[in-house]
Amino acid sequence: MKKPVKKKKVCYFCLNNIEDIDYRNVAILKRFVSSFMKIAPKRRSGLCSMHQRKSARAIKRAREMSLLPYIPE
């Protein structure tokens, strides 16, 4: 039996030509957070290494500024 071929995920930020990730844009950052408000790993989010680091930093800043919660409500 053959394994099903998985489609490679493409980085959201590279695809949309977004240079810098803003911590104030909560709508985009929520895409890369799980239901338990944990930062999604690279294999689930599909981001490239550079954007994974930038998005993690932006999520942490948004949490500090109380734009994103640390725990689910």
Protein backbone atom coordinates (compact mmCIF):
# COMPACT_ATOMS: atom_id res chain seq x y z
CA MET A 1 0.00 0.00 0.00
CA LYS A 2 1.29 3.42 -0.91
CA LYS A 3 1.47 6.25 1.57
CA PRO A 4 -0.68 9.25 0.67
CA VAL A 5 1.38 12.17 -0.59
CA LYS A 6 1.11 15.18 1.69
CA LYS A 7 0.96 18.60 0.12
CA LYS A 8 3.79 20.82 1.36
CA LYS A 9 2.58 23.83 3.29
CA VAL A 10 3.64 27.22 1.99
CA CYS A 11 4.65 30.05 4.31
CA TYR A 12 1.74 32.47 4.74
CA PHE A 13 3.98 35.52 5.01
CA CYS A 14 6.15 34.63 1.99
CA LEU A 15 3.04 33.93 -0.08
CA ASN A 16 1.47 37.32 0.75
CA ASN A 17 4.77 39.29 0.59
CA ILE A 18 4.53 40.44 4.20
CA GLU A 19 7.97 41.68 5.28
CA ASP A 20 7.58 42.45 8.98
CA ILE A 21 5.04 40.89 11.32
CA ASP A 22 3.28 43.45 13.48
CA TYR A 23 2.35 42.42 17.03
CA ARG A 24 -0.73 44.68 16.86
CA ASN A 25 -2.28 42.64 14.03
CA VAL A 26 -3.99 40.11 16.28
CA ALA A 27 -6.17 38.60 13.54
CA ILE A 28 -3.13 37.24 11.69
CA LEU A 29 -1.32 36.13 14.86
CA LYS A 30 -4.32 34.08 16.03
CA ARG A 31 -3.82 31.81 13.01
CA PHE A 32 -0.51 30.62 14.46
CA VAL A 33 -1.75 29.91 17.98
CA SER A 34 -3.47 26.67 19.07
CA SER A 35 -6.81 26.49 20.88
CA PHE A 36 -4.82 26.30 24.12
CA MET A 37 -3.07 29.58 23.14
CA LYS A 38 0.27 27.85 22.56
CA ILE A 39 2.47 28.95 19.66
CA ALA A 40 2.02 26.45 16.84
CA PRO A 41 5.11 24.50 15.76
CA LYS A 42 6.61 25.07 12.34
CA ARG A 43 5.36 21.76 10.97
CA ARG A 44 1.74 22.69 11.80
CA SER A 45 1.82 26.37 10.91
CA GLY A 46 3.73 25.82 7.67
CA LEU A 47 5.89 28.91 8.15
CA CYS A 48 9.49 29.15 7.05
CA SER A 49 12.16 29.38 9.76
CA MET A 50 12.59 33.15 9.57
CA HIS A 51 8.86 33.89 9.76
CA GLN A 52 8.31 31.29 12.50
CA ARG A 53 10.82 33.15 14.69
CA LYS A 54 9.32 36.54 13.84
CA SER A 55 5.76 35.37 14.48
CA ALA A 56 6.74 33.80 17.82
CA ARG A 57 8.35 37.08 18.86
CA ALA A 58 5.25 39.04 17.75
CA ILE A 59 2.93 36.66 19.65
CA LYS A 60 5.01 37.09 22.80
CA ARG A 61 4.92 40.89 22.43
CA ALA A 62 1.15 40.83 21.85
CA ARG A 63 0.74 38.80 25.05
CA GLU A 64 2.84 41.32 26.99
CA MET A 65 0.67 44.18 25.70
CA SER A 66 -2.51 42.22 26.60
CA LEU A 67 -3.63 41.95 22.98
CA LEU A 68 -3.50 38.14 23.08
CA PRO A 69 -4.26 36.10 26.21
CA TYR A 70 -1.75 33.70 27.73
CA ILE A 71 -4.47 31.11 28.41
CA PRO A 72 -7.81 30.42 26.67
CA GLU A 73 -10.85 32.18 28.05
